[in-house]
Amino acid sequence: LKFYGVYLGNDNYSAYNTNNIRPKFASTIDLLKTRHLAMTLKPHIINVFACSKLWHVYSTLPLDKTSISFYTKYIFNYFWYNGPEFIKRNVIYKDFCDGGLRMVNITTKLKPFI
């Protein structure tokens, strides 16, 4: 059963949702790779354009650890242009006043829904 773009039911609905969202998420990030944006804008763009696809589905369904690692890896590969990470992730997640860039943390954002 598909309701508002989310698969529900007794079957393997988690795999259906994951297989449906991963390509959409990846294509959105790949589209963003063509734009060379400032480091301070990237977290906001990622949250608005790419992660909004995740919030819609995973606010109602559980998210497994392999999906979290996939999405996080894809985000940081875009953020650092597939290069080495010069700043630790826990620093990038912090607010501007604490020296961070306010990057969205998928785990903490979806924790209240799990």
PDB file of N, CA and C in Angstrom:
ATOM      1  N   LEU A   1       0.842  -1.160   0.000  1.00  0.00           N
ATOM      2  CA  LEU A   1       0.000   0.000   0.000  1.00  0.00           C
ATOM      3  C   LEU A   1       0.896   1.235   0.000  1.00  0.00           C
ATOM      4  N   LYS A   2       0.645   2.140  -0.920  1.00  0.00           N
ATOM      5  CA  LYS A   2       1.420   3.372  -0.998  1.00  0.00           C
ATOM      6  C   LYS A   2       0.519   4.540  -0.622  1.00  0.00           C
ATOM      7  N   PHE A   3       0.945   5.299   0.383  1.00  0.00           N
ATOM      8  CA  PHE A   3       0.143   6.403   0.898  1.00  0.00           C
ATOM      9  C   PHE A   3       1.026   7.641   0.980  1.00  0.00           C
ATOM     10  N   TYR A   4       0.716   8.660   0.188  1.00  0.00           N
ATOM     11  CA  TYR A   4       1.502   9.893   0.116  1.00  0.00           C
ATOM     12  C   TYR A   4       2.971   9.618  -0.176  1.00  0.00           C
ATOM     13  N   GLY A   5       3.232   8.661  -1.030  1.00  0.00           N
ATOM     14  CA  GLY A   5       4.598   8.360  -1.439  1.00  0.00           C
ATOM     15  C   GLY A   5       5.353   7.458  -0.489  1.00  0.00           C
ATOM     16  N   VAL A   6       4.692   6.956   0.549  1.00  0.00           N
ATOM     17  CA  VAL A   6       5.337   6.092   1.535  1.00  0.00           C
ATOM     18  C   VAL A   6       4.675   4.726   1.472  1.00  0.00           C
ATOM     19  N   TYR A   7       5.510   3.688   1.340  1.00  0.00           N
ATOM     20  CA  TYR A   7       4.991   2.331   1.323  1.00  0.00           C
ATOM     21  C   TYR A   7       4.706   1.874   2.743  1.00  0.00           C
ATOM     22  N   LEU A   8       3.506   1.318   2.953  1.00  0.00           N
ATOM     23  CA  LEU A   8       3.081   0.813   4.249  1.00  0.00           C
ATOM     24  C   LEU A   8       2.548  -0.594   4.068  1.00  0.00           C
ATOM     25  N   GLY A   9       2.542  -1.367   5.133  1.00  0.00           N
ATOM     26  CA  GLY A   9       1.956  -2.693   5.062  1.00  0.00           C
ATOM     27  C   GLY A   9       2.778  -3.726   5.804  1.00  0.00           C
ATOM     28  N   ASN A  10       2.397  -4.998   5.614  1.00  0.00           N
ATOM     29  CA  ASN A  10       3.061  -6.100   6.298  1.00  0.00           C
ATOM     30  C   ASN A  10       4.279  -6.609   5.536  1.00  0.00           C
ATOM     31  N   ASP A  11       4.335  -6.346   4.256  1.00  0.00           N
ATOM     32  CA  ASP A  11       5.477  -6.817   3.470  1.00  0.00           C
ATOM     33  C   ASP A  11       6.725  -6.050   3.874  1.00  0.00           C
ATOM     34  N   ASN A  12       7.750  -6.224   3.112  1.00  0.00           N
ATOM     35  CA  ASN A  12       9.028  -5.575   3.398  1.00  0.00           C
ATOM     36  C   ASN A  12       8.967  -4.101   2.975  1.00  0.00           C
ATOM     37  N   TYR A  13       8.161  -3.319   3.667  1.00  0.00           N
ATOM     38  CA  TYR A  13       7.944  -1.921   3.293  1.00  0.00           C
ATOM     39  C   TYR A  13       9.201  -1.078   3.481  1.00  0.00           C
ATOM     40  N   SER A  14      10.051  -1.456   4.422  1.00  0.00           N
ATOM     41  CA  SER A  14      11.280  -0.693   4.649  1.00  0.00           C
ATOM     42  C   SER A  14      12.193  -0.743   3.431  1.00  0.00           C
ATOM     43  N   ALA A  15      12.305  -1.914   2.811  1.00  0.00           N
ATOM     44  CA  ALA A  15      13.134  -2.047   1.606  1.00  0.00           C
ATOM     45  C   ALA A  15      12.526  -1.276   0.446  1.00  0.00           C
ATOM     46  N   TYR A  16      11.213  -1.290   0.322  1.00  0.00           N
ATOM     47  CA  TYR A  16      10.553  -0.528  -0.740  1.00  0.00           C
ATOM     48  C   TYR A  16      10.850   0.964  -0.592  1.00  0.00           C
ATOM     49  N   ASN A  17      10.719   1.465   0.632  1.00  0.00           N
ATOM     50  CA  ASN A  17      10.970   2.891   0.862  1.00  0.00           C
ATOM     51  C   ASN A  17      12.427   3.251   0.632  1.00  0.00           C
ATOM     52  N   THR A  18      13.325   2.396   1.104  1.00  0.00           N
ATOM     53  CA  THR A  18      14.753   2.656   0.913  1.00  0.00           C
ATOM     54  C   THR A  18      15.109   2.637  -0.562  1.00  0.00           C
ATOM     55  N   ASN A  19      14.613   1.660  -1.286  1.00  0.00           N
ATOM     56  CA  ASN A  19      14.904   1.570  -2.720  1.00  0.00           C
ATOM     57  C   ASN A  19      14.259   2.703  -3.508  1.00  0.00           C
ATOM     58  N   ASN A  20      13.228   3.294  -2.971  1.00  0.00           N
ATOM     59  CA  ASN A  20      12.561   4.402  -3.631  1.00  0.00           C
ATOM     60  C   ASN A  20      13.254   5.739  -3.344  1.00  0.00           C
ATOM     61  N   ILE A  21      13.763   5.902  -2.122  1.00  0.00           N
ATOM     62  CA  ILE A  21      14.305   7.201  -1.708  1.00  0.00           C
ATOM     63  C   ILE A  21      15.780   7.358  -2.053  1.00  0.00           C
ATOM     64  N   ARG A  22      16.565   6.306  -1.935  1.00  0.00           N
ATOM     65  CA  ARG A  22      18.011   6.431  -2.189  1.00  0.00           C
ATOM     66  C   ARG A  22      18.333   7.011  -3.567  1.00  0.00           C
ATOM     67  N   PRO A  23      17.713   6.545  -4.650  1.00  0.00           N
ATOM     68  CA  PRO A  23      18.037   7.155  -5.956  1.00  0.00           C
ATOM     69  C   PRO A  23      17.622   8.618  -6.045  1.00  0.00           C
ATOM     70  N   LYS A  24      16.501   8.980  -5.443  1.00  0.00           N
ATOM     71  CA  LYS A  24      16.062  10.374  -5.461  1.00  0.00           C
ATOM     72  C   LYS A  24      17.032  11.256  -4.687  1.00  0.00           C
ATOM     73  N   PHE A  25      17.447  10.773  -3.530  1.00  0.00           N
ATOM     74  CA  PHE A  25      18.401  11.504  -2.708  1.00  0.00           C
ATOM     75  C   PHE A  25      19.733  11.652  -3.445  1.00  0.00           C
ATOM     76  N   ALA A  26      20.218  10.568  -4.019  1.00  0.00           N
ATOM     77  CA  ALA A  26      21.503  10.590  -4.725  1.00  0.00           C
ATOM     78  C   ALA A  26      21.447  11.502  -5.947  1.00  0.00           C
ATOM     79  N   SER A  27      20.344  11.484  -6.684  1.00  0.00           N
ATOM     80  CA  SER A  27      20.258  12.341  -7.868  1.00  0.00           C
ATOM     81  C   SER A  27      20.194  13.815  -7.481  1.00  0.00           C
ATOM     82  N   THR A  28      19.561  14.122  -6.354  1.00  0.00           N
ATOM     83  CA  THR A  28      19.523  15.501  -5.888  1.00  0.00           C
ATOM     84  C   THR A  28      20.918  15.982  -5.504  1.00  0.00           C
ATOM     85  N   ILE A  29      21.661  15.159  -4.792  1.00  0.00           N
ATOM     86  CA  ILE A  29      23.026  15.529  -4.406  1.00  0.00           C
ATOM     87  C   ILE A  29      23.910  15.638  -5.645  1.00  0.00           C
ATOM     88  N   ASP A  30      23.734  14.728  -6.603  1.00  0.00           N
ATOM     89  CA  ASP A  30      24.536  14.785  -7.832  1.00  0.00           C
ATOM     90  C   ASP A  30      24.247  16.053  -8.629  1.00  0.00           C
ATOM     91  N   LEU A  31      23.001  16.498  -8.615  1.00  0.00           N
ATOM     92  CA  LEU A  31      22.669  17.769  -9.258  1.00  0.00           C
ATOM     93  C   LEU A  31      23.344  18.949  -8.562  1.00  0.00           C
ATOM     94  N   LEU A  32      23.412  18.872  -7.246  1.00  0.00           N
ATOM     95  CA  LEU A  32      24.034  19.950  -6.485  1.00  0.00           C
ATOM     96  C   LEU A  32      25.544  19.985  -6.666  1.00  0.00           C
ATOM     97  N   LYS A  33      26.144  18.862  -7.039  1.00  0.00           N
ATOM     98  CA  LYS A  33      27.596  18.814  -7.214  1.00  0.00           C
ATOM     99  C   LYS A  33      28.066  19.720  -8.343  1.00  0.00           C
ATOM    100  N   THR A  34      27.204  20.013  -9.292  1.00  0.00           N
ATOM    101  CA  THR A  34      27.608  20.867 -10.409  1.00  0.00           C
ATOM    102  C   THR A  34      27.732  22.322  -9.992  1.00  0.00           C
ATOM    103  N   ARG A  35      27.137  22.677  -8.866  1.00  0.00           N
ATOM    104  CA  ARG A  35      27.206  24.050  -8.371  1.00  0.00           C
ATOM    105  C   ARG A  35      28.294  24.142  -7.313  1.00  0.00           C
ATOM    106  N   HIS A  36      29.163  25.084  -7.457  1.00  0.00           N
ATOM    107  CA  HIS A  36      30.233  25.289  -6.483  1.00  0.00           C
ATOM    108  C   HIS A  36      29.809  26.402  -5.537  1.00  0.00           C
ATOM    109  N   LEU A  37      29.227  25.977  -4.424  1.00  0.00           N
ATOM    110  CA  LEU A  37      28.680  26.915  -3.447  1.00  0.00           C
ATOM    111  C   LEU A  37      29.662  27.140  -2.306  1.00  0.00           C
ATOM    112  N   ALA A  38      29.443  28.199  -1.571  1.00  0.00           N
ATOM    113  CA  ALA A  38      30.260  28.487  -0.399  1.00  0.00           C
ATOM    114  C   ALA A  38      30.004  27.433   0.674  1.00  0.00           C
ATOM    115  N   MET A  39      31.010  27.206   1.506  1.00  0.00           N
ATOM    116  CA  MET A  39      30.900  26.197   2.561  1.00  0.00           C
ATOM    117  C   MET A  39      29.779  26.519   3.548  1.00  0.00           C
ATOM    118  N   THR A  40      29.493  27.784   3.744  1.00  0.00           N
ATOM    119  CA  THR A  40      28.442  28.144   4.695  1.00  0.00           C
ATOM    120  C   THR A  40      27.045  27.926   4.126  1.00  0.00           C
ATOM    121  N   LEU A  41      26.911  27.863   2.810  1.00  0.00           N
ATOM    122  CA  LEU A  41      25.607  27.638   2.184  1.00  0.00           C
ATOM    123  C   LEU A  41      25.281  26.157   2.010  1.00  0.00           C
ATOM    124  N   LYS A  42      26.288  25.334   1.876  1.00  0.00           N
ATOM    125  CA  LYS A  42      26.053  23.912   1.595  1.00  0.00           C
ATOM    126  C   LYS A  42      25.174  23.206   2.622  1.00  0.00           C
ATOM    127  N   PRO A  43      25.391  23.385   3.929  1.00  0.00           N
ATOM    128  CA  PRO A  43      24.507  22.699   4.877  1.00  0.00           C
ATOM    129  C   PRO A  43      23.041  23.078   4.721  1.00  0.00           C
ATOM    130  N   HIS A  44      22.766  24.330   4.453  1.00  0.00           N
ATOM    131  CA  HIS A  44      21.380  24.771   4.271  1.00  0.00           C
ATOM    132  C   HIS A  44      20.789  24.162   2.995  1.00  0.00           C
ATOM    133  N   ILE A  45      21.553  24.161   1.918  1.00  0.00           N
ATOM    134  CA  ILE A  45      21.093  23.588   0.655  1.00  0.00           C
ATOM    135  C   ILE A  45      20.846  22.090   0.797  1.00  0.00           C
ATOM    136  N   ILE A  46      21.729  21.403   1.503  1.00  0.00           N
ATOM    137  CA  ILE A  46      21.561  19.959   1.728  1.00  0.00           C
ATOM    138  C   ILE A  46      20.284  19.695   2.514  1.00  0.00           C
ATOM    139  N   ASN A  47      20.053  20.473   3.555  1.00  0.00           N
ATOM    140  CA  ASN A  47      18.866  20.281   4.382  1.00  0.00           C
ATOM    141  C   ASN A  47      17.588  20.539   3.599  1.00  0.00           C
ATOM    142  N   VAL A  48      17.575  21.593   2.798  1.00  0.00           N
ATOM    143  CA  VAL A  48      16.350  21.975   2.097  1.00  0.00           C
ATOM    144  C   VAL A  48      16.064  21.049   0.919  1.00  0.00           C
ATOM    145  N   PHE A  49      17.044  20.792   0.083  1.00  0.00           N
ATOM    146  CA  PHE A  49      16.778  20.069  -1.157  1.00  0.00           C
ATOM    147  C   PHE A  49      16.926  18.558  -1.048  1.00  0.00           C
ATOM    148  N   ALA A  50      17.923  18.073  -0.339  1.00  0.00           N
ATOM    149  CA  ALA A  50      18.173  16.629  -0.311  1.00  0.00           C
ATOM    150  C   ALA A  50      17.496  15.956   0.880  1.00  0.00           C
ATOM    151  N   CYS A  51      17.715  16.494   2.062  1.00  0.00           N
ATOM    152  CA  CYS A  51      17.213  15.818   3.258  1.00  0.00           C
ATOM    153  C   CYS A  51      15.708  15.950   3.442  1.00  0.00           C
ATOM    154  N   SER A  52      15.085  16.884   2.757  1.00  0.00           N
ATOM    155  CA  SER A  52      13.626  16.989   2.863  1.00  0.00           C
ATOM    156  C   SER A  52      12.946  15.720   2.360  1.00  0.00           C
ATOM    157  N   LYS A  53      13.575  15.030   1.434  1.00  0.00           N
ATOM    158  CA  LYS A  53      13.044  13.742   0.961  1.00  0.00           C
ATOM    159  C   LYS A  53      13.092  12.701   2.078  1.00  0.00           C
ATOM    160  N   LEU A  54      14.103  12.793   2.923  1.00  0.00           N
ATOM    161  CA  LEU A  54      14.234  11.851   4.033  1.00  0.00           C
ATOM    162  C   LEU A  54      13.240  12.155   5.138  1.00  0.00           C
ATOM    163  N   TRP A  55      13.060  13.423   5.452  1.00  0.00           N
ATOM    164  CA  TRP A  55      12.185  13.788   6.566  1.00  0.00           C
ATOM    165  C   TRP A  55      10.754  13.326   6.308  1.00  0.00           C
ATOM    166  N   HIS A  56      10.320  13.408   5.047  1.00  0.00           N
ATOM    167  CA  HIS A  56       8.948  13.023   4.715  1.00  0.00           C
ATOM    168  C   HIS A  56       8.697  11.553   5.031  1.00  0.00           C
ATOM    169  N   VAL A  57       9.596  10.685   4.625  1.00  0.00           N
ATOM    170  CA  VAL A  57       9.375   9.248   4.785  1.00  0.00           C
ATOM    171  C   VAL A  57       9.766   8.769   6.179  1.00  0.00           C
ATOM    172  N   TYR A  58      10.944   9.155   6.630  1.00  0.00           N
ATOM    173  CA  TYR A  58      11.467   8.582   7.859  1.00  0.00           C
ATOM    174  C   TYR A  58      10.932   9.243   9.120  1.00  0.00           C
ATOM    175  N   SER A  59      10.064  10.220   8.999  1.00  0.00           N
ATOM    176  CA  SER A  59       9.388  10.729  10.196  1.00  0.00           C
ATOM    177  C   SER A  59       8.287   9.777  10.636  1.00  0.00           C
ATOM    178  N   THR A  60       7.866   8.874   9.754  1.00  0.00           N
ATOM    179  CA  THR A  60       6.828   7.911  10.104  1.00  0.00           C
ATOM    180  C   THR A  60       7.348   6.480  10.178  1.00  0.00           C
ATOM    181  N   LEU A  61       8.495   6.208   9.572  1.00  0.00           N
ATOM    182  CA  LEU A  61       9.036   4.854   9.534  1.00  0.00           C
ATOM    183  C   LEU A  61      10.427   4.814  10.149  1.00  0.00           C
ATOM    184  N   PRO A  62      10.841   3.663  10.677  1.00  0.00           N
ATOM    185  CA  PRO A  62      12.185   3.571  11.265  1.00  0.00           C
ATOM    186  C   PRO A  62      13.265   3.602  10.184  1.00  0.00           C
ATOM    187  N   LEU A  63      14.410   4.113  10.550  1.00  0.00           N
ATOM    188  CA  LEU A  63      15.555   4.231   9.649  1.00  0.00           C
ATOM    189  C   LEU A  63      16.663   3.324  10.170  1.00  0.00           C
ATOM    190  N   ASP A  64      17.160   2.426   9.314  1.00  0.00           N
ATOM    191  CA  ASP A  64      18.197   1.496   9.754  1.00  0.00           C
ATOM    192  C   ASP A  64      19.582   2.139   9.677  1.00  0.00           C
ATOM    193  N   LYS A  65      20.562   1.513  10.348  1.00  0.00           N
ATOM    194  CA  LYS A  65      21.902   2.084  10.448  1.00  0.00           C
ATOM    195  C   LYS A  65      22.621   2.119   9.106  1.00  0.00           C
ATOM    196  N   THR A  66      22.360   1.165   8.217  1.00  0.00           N
ATOM    197  CA  THR A  66      23.029   1.191   6.915  1.00  0.00           C
ATOM    198  C   THR A  66      22.549   2.365   6.075  1.00  0.00           C
ATOM    199  N   SER A  67      21.277   2.697   6.186  1.00  0.00           N
ATOM    200  CA  SER A  67      20.758   3.852   5.458  1.00  0.00           C
ATOM    201  C   SER A  67      21.314   5.151   6.021  1.00  0.00           C
ATOM    202  N   ILE A  68      21.420   5.236   7.335  1.00  0.00           N
ATOM    203  CA  ILE A  68      21.989   6.436   7.954  1.00  0.00           C
ATOM    204  C   ILE A  68      23.416   6.640   7.486  1.00  0.00           C
ATOM    205  N   SER A  69      24.200   5.571   7.477  1.00  0.00           N
ATOM    206  CA  SER A  69      25.601   5.705   7.045  1.00  0.00           C
ATOM    207  C   SER A  69      25.685   6.048   5.559  1.00  0.00           C
ATOM    208  N   PHE A  70      24.773   5.498   4.740  1.00  0.00           N
ATOM    209  CA  PHE A  70      24.767   5.827   3.316  1.00  0.00           C
ATOM    210  C   PHE A  70      24.489   7.310   3.103  1.00  0.00           C
ATOM    211  N   TYR A  71      23.444   7.822   3.734  1.00  0.00           N
ATOM    212  CA  TYR A  71      23.063   9.218   3.552  1.00  0.00           C
ATOM    213  C   TYR A  71      24.142  10.163   4.091  1.00  0.00           C
ATOM    214  N   THR A  72      24.686   9.837   5.254  1.00  0.00           N
ATOM    215  CA  THR A  72      25.725  10.675   5.840  1.00  0.00           C
ATOM    216  C   THR A  72      26.976  10.688   4.968  1.00  0.00           C
ATOM    217  N   LYS A  73      27.370   9.534   4.480  1.00  0.00           N
ATOM    218  CA  LYS A  73      28.546   9.451   3.609  1.00  0.00           C
ATOM    219  C   LYS A  73      28.323  10.250   2.329  1.00  0.00           C
ATOM    220  N   TYR A  74      27.149  10.137   1.758  1.00  0.00           N
ATOM    221  CA  TYR A  74      26.844  10.855   0.518  1.00  0.00           C
ATOM    222  C   TYR A  74      26.859  12.366   0.737  1.00  0.00           C
ATOM    223  N   ILE A  75      26.324  12.809   1.871  1.00  0.00           N
ATOM    224  CA  ILE A  75      26.312  14.235   2.188  1.00  0.00           C
ATOM    225  C   ILE A  75      27.737  14.765   2.335  1.00  0.00           C
ATOM    226  N   PHE A  76      28.567  14.052   3.084  1.00  0.00           N
ATOM    227  CA  PHE A  76      29.919  14.552   3.318  1.00  0.00           C
ATOM    228  C   PHE A  76      30.814  14.405   2.093  1.00  0.00           C
ATOM    229  N   ASN A  77      30.544  13.449   1.222  1.00  0.00           N
ATOM    230  CA  ASN A  77      31.278  13.392  -0.045  1.00  0.00           C
ATOM    231  C   ASN A  77      30.961  14.620  -0.892  1.00  0.00           C
ATOM    232  N   TYR A  78      29.719  15.053  -0.880  1.00  0.00           N
ATOM    233  CA  TYR A  78      29.355  16.279  -1.596  1.00  0.00           C
ATOM    234  C   TYR A  78      29.986  17.492  -0.918  1.00  0.00           C
ATOM    235  N   PHE A  79      29.937  17.515   0.385  1.00  0.00           N
ATOM    236  CA  PHE A  79      30.428  18.676   1.125  1.00  0.00           C
ATOM    237  C   PHE A  79      31.923  18.899   0.917  1.00  0.00           C
ATOM    238  N   TRP A  80      32.697  17.824   0.871  1.00  0.00           N
ATOM    239  CA  TRP A  80      34.156  17.926   0.730  1.00  0.00           C
ATOM    240  C   TRP A  80      34.636  17.587  -0.673  1.00  0.00           C
ATOM    241  N   TYR A  81      33.768  17.581  -1.659  1.00  0.00           N
ATOM    242  CA  TYR A  81      34.144  17.283  -3.060  1.00  0.00           C
ATOM    243  C   TYR A  81      34.880  15.948  -3.177  1.00  0.00           C
ATOM    244  N   ASN A  82      34.397  14.919  -2.484  1.00  0.00           N
ATOM    245  CA  ASN A  82      34.971  13.569  -2.483  1.00  0.00           C
ATOM    246  C   ASN A  82      36.419  13.548  -1.998  1.00  0.00           C
ATOM    247  N   GLY A  83      36.834  14.564  -1.280  1.00  0.00           N
ATOM    248  CA  GLY A  83      38.195  14.633  -0.758  1.00  0.00           C
ATOM    249  C   GLY A  83      38.230  14.320   0.728  1.00  0.00           C
ATOM    250  N   PRO A  84      39.387  14.538   1.343  1.00  0.00           N
ATOM    251  CA  PRO A  84      39.489  14.279   2.787  1.00  0.00           C
ATOM    252  C   PRO A  84      38.700  15.302   3.591  1.00  0.00           C
ATOM    253  N   GLU A  85      38.265  14.883   4.755  1.00  0.00           N
ATOM    254  CA  GLU A  85      37.507  15.769   5.634  1.00  0.00           C
ATOM    255  C   GLU A  85      38.483  16.523   6.524  1.00  0.00           C
ATOM    256  N   PHE A  86      38.546  17.828   6.362  1.00  0.00           N
ATOM    257  CA  PHE A  86      39.506  18.648   7.088  1.00  0.00           C
ATOM    258  C   PHE A  86      39.014  19.049   8.477  1.00  0.00           C
ATOM    259  N   ILE A  87      37.721  19.008   8.675  1.00  0.00           N
ATOM    260  CA  ILE A  87      37.130  19.372   9.961  1.00  0.00           C
ATOM    261  C   ILE A  87      36.304  18.188  10.441  1.00  0.00           C
ATOM    262  N   LYS A  88      36.378  17.902  11.724  1.00  0.00           N
ATOM    263  CA  LYS A  88      35.619  16.775  12.264  1.00  0.00           C
ATOM    264  C   LYS A  88      34.124  17.012  12.103  1.00  0.00           C
ATOM    265  N   ARG A  89      33.407  15.932  11.929  1.00  0.00           N
ATOM    266  CA  ARG A  89      31.963  16.038  11.701  1.00  0.00           C
ATOM    267  C   ARG A  89      31.223  16.634  12.885  1.00  0.00           C
ATOM    268  N   ASN A  90      31.644  16.272  14.095  1.00  0.00           N
ATOM    269  CA  ASN A  90      30.930  16.812  15.256  1.00  0.00           C
ATOM    270  C   ASN A  90      31.113  18.320  15.380  1.00  0.00           C
ATOM    271  N   VAL A  91      32.157  18.889  14.782  1.00  0.00           N
ATOM    272  CA  VAL A  91      32.334  20.338  14.765  1.00  0.00           C
ATOM    273  C   VAL A  91      31.425  20.961  13.707  1.00  0.00           C
ATOM    274  N   ILE A  92      31.305  20.329  12.564  1.00  0.00           N
ATOM    275  CA  ILE A  92      30.467  20.850  11.478  1.00  0.00           C
ATOM    276  C   ILE A  92      28.996  20.849  11.881  1.00  0.00           C
ATOM    277  N   TYR A  93      28.593  19.904  12.724  1.00  0.00           N
ATOM    278  CA  TYR A  93      27.208  19.839  13.177  1.00  0.00           C
ATOM    279  C   TYR A  93      26.844  20.991  14.109  1.00  0.00           C
ATOM    280  N   LYS A  94      27.820  21.639  14.720  1.00  0.00           N
ATOM    281  CA  LYS A  94      27.544  22.690  15.695  1.00  0.00           C
ATOM    282  C   LYS A  94      27.036  23.956  15.024  1.00  0.00           C
ATOM    283  N   ASP A  95      26.528  24.862  15.862  1.00  0.00           N
ATOM    284  CA  ASP A  95      25.995  26.143  15.397  1.00  0.00           C
ATOM    285  C   ASP A  95      27.141  27.092  15.025  1.00  0.00           C
ATOM    286  N   PHE A  96      26.804  28.146  14.302  1.00  0.00           N
ATOM    287  CA  PHE A  96      27.805  29.124  13.866  1.00  0.00           C
ATOM    288  C   PHE A  96      28.565  29.738  15.045  1.00  0.00           C
ATOM    289  N   CYS A  97      27.853  30.061  16.105  1.00  0.00           N
ATOM    290  CA  CYS A  97      28.492  30.715  17.254  1.00  0.00           C
ATOM    291  C   CYS A  97      29.469  29.790  17.976  1.00  0.00           C
ATOM    292  N   ASP A  98      29.341  28.481  17.751  1.00  0.00           N
ATOM    293  CA  ASP A  98      30.260  27.510  18.355  1.00  0.00           C
ATOM    294  C   ASP A  98      31.351  27.072  17.384  1.00  0.00           C
ATOM    295  N   GLY A  99      31.434  27.718  16.230  1.00  0.00           N
ATOM    296  CA  GLY A  99      32.473  27.396  15.256  1.00  0.00           C
ATOM    297  C   GLY A  99      32.072  26.362  14.236  1.00  0.00           C
ATOM    298  N   GLY A 100      30.809  25.983  14.186  1.00  0.00           N
ATOM    299  CA  GLY A 100      30.338  24.982  13.243  1.00  0.00           C
ATOM    300  C   GLY A 100      29.670  25.605  12.037  1.00  0.00           C
ATOM    301  N   LEU A 101      29.071  24.743  11.224  1.00  0.00           N
ATOM    302  CA  LEU A 101      28.379  25.194  10.015  1.00  0.00           C
ATOM    303  C   LEU A 101      26.903  24.815   9.997  1.00  0.00           C
ATOM    304  N   ARG A 102      26.402  24.301  11.119  1.00  0.00           N
ATOM    305  CA  ARG A 102      24.999  23.902  11.249  1.00  0.00           C
ATOM    306  C   ARG A 102      24.586  22.847  10.221  1.00  0.00           C
ATOM    307  N   MET A 103      25.482  21.900   9.982  1.00  0.00           N
ATOM    308  CA  MET A 103      25.153  20.779   9.097  1.00  0.00           C
ATOM    309  C   MET A 103      24.097  19.921   9.781  1.00  0.00           C
ATOM    310  N   VAL A 104      23.165  19.427   9.004  1.00  0.00           N
ATOM    311  CA  VAL A 104      22.094  18.615   9.550  1.00  0.00           C
ATOM    312  C   VAL A 104      22.656  17.239   9.939  1.00  0.00           C
ATOM    313  N   ASN A 105      22.291  16.792  11.131  1.00  0.00           N
ATOM    314  CA  ASN A 105      22.678  15.473  11.610  1.00  0.00           C
ATOM    315  C   ASN A 105      21.447  14.578  11.502  1.00  0.00           C
ATOM    316  N   ILE A 106      21.479  13.640  10.598  1.00  0.00           N
ATOM    317  CA  ILE A 106      20.304  12.809  10.307  1.00  0.00           C
ATOM    318  C   ILE A 106      19.871  12.021  11.531  1.00  0.00           C
ATOM    319  N   THR A 107      20.826  11.494  12.269  1.00  0.00           N
ATOM    320  CA  THR A 107      20.489  10.671  13.431  1.00  0.00           C
ATOM    321  C   THR A 107      19.756  11.465  14.494  1.00  0.00           C
ATOM    322  N   THR A 108      20.267  12.630  14.837  1.00  0.00           N
ATOM    323  CA  THR A 108      19.616  13.413  15.883  1.00  0.00           C
ATOM    324  C   THR A 108      18.321  14.048  15.403  1.00  0.00           C
ATOM    325  N   LYS A 109      18.218  14.351  14.130  1.00  0.00           N
ATOM    326  CA  LYS A 109      16.994  14.949  13.621  1.00  0.00           C
ATOM    327  C   LYS A 109      15.838  13.938  13.632  1.00  0.00           C
ATOM    328  N   LEU A 110      16.156  12.670  13.347  1.00  0.00           N
ATOM    329  CA  LEU A 110      15.094  11.654  13.294  1.00  0.00           C
ATOM    330  C   LEU A 110      14.931  10.894  14.596  1.00  0.00           C
ATOM    331  N   LYS A 111      15.764  11.167  15.580  1.00  0.00           N
ATOM    332  CA  LYS A 111      15.683  10.439  16.859  1.00  0.00           C
ATOM    333  C   LYS A 111      14.322  10.582  17.550  1.00  0.00           C
ATOM    334  N   PRO A 112      13.674  11.745  17.565  1.00  0.00           N
ATOM    335  CA  PRO A 112      12.364  11.828  18.220  1.00  0.00           C
ATOM    336  C   PRO A 112      11.290  10.976  17.548  1.00  0.00           C
ATOM    337  N   PHE A 113      11.483  10.673  16.279  1.00  0.00           N
ATOM    338  CA  PHE A 113      10.470   9.904  15.557  1.00  0.00           C
ATOM    339  C   PHE A 113      10.673   8.398  15.700  1.00  0.00           C
ATOM    340  N   ILE A 114      11.851   7.974  16.112  1.00  0.00           N
ATOM    341  CA  ILE A 114      12.140   6.528  16.176  1.00  0.00           C
ATOM    342  C   ILE A 114      11.620   5.923  17.444  1.00  0.00           C
TER     343      ILE A 114
END
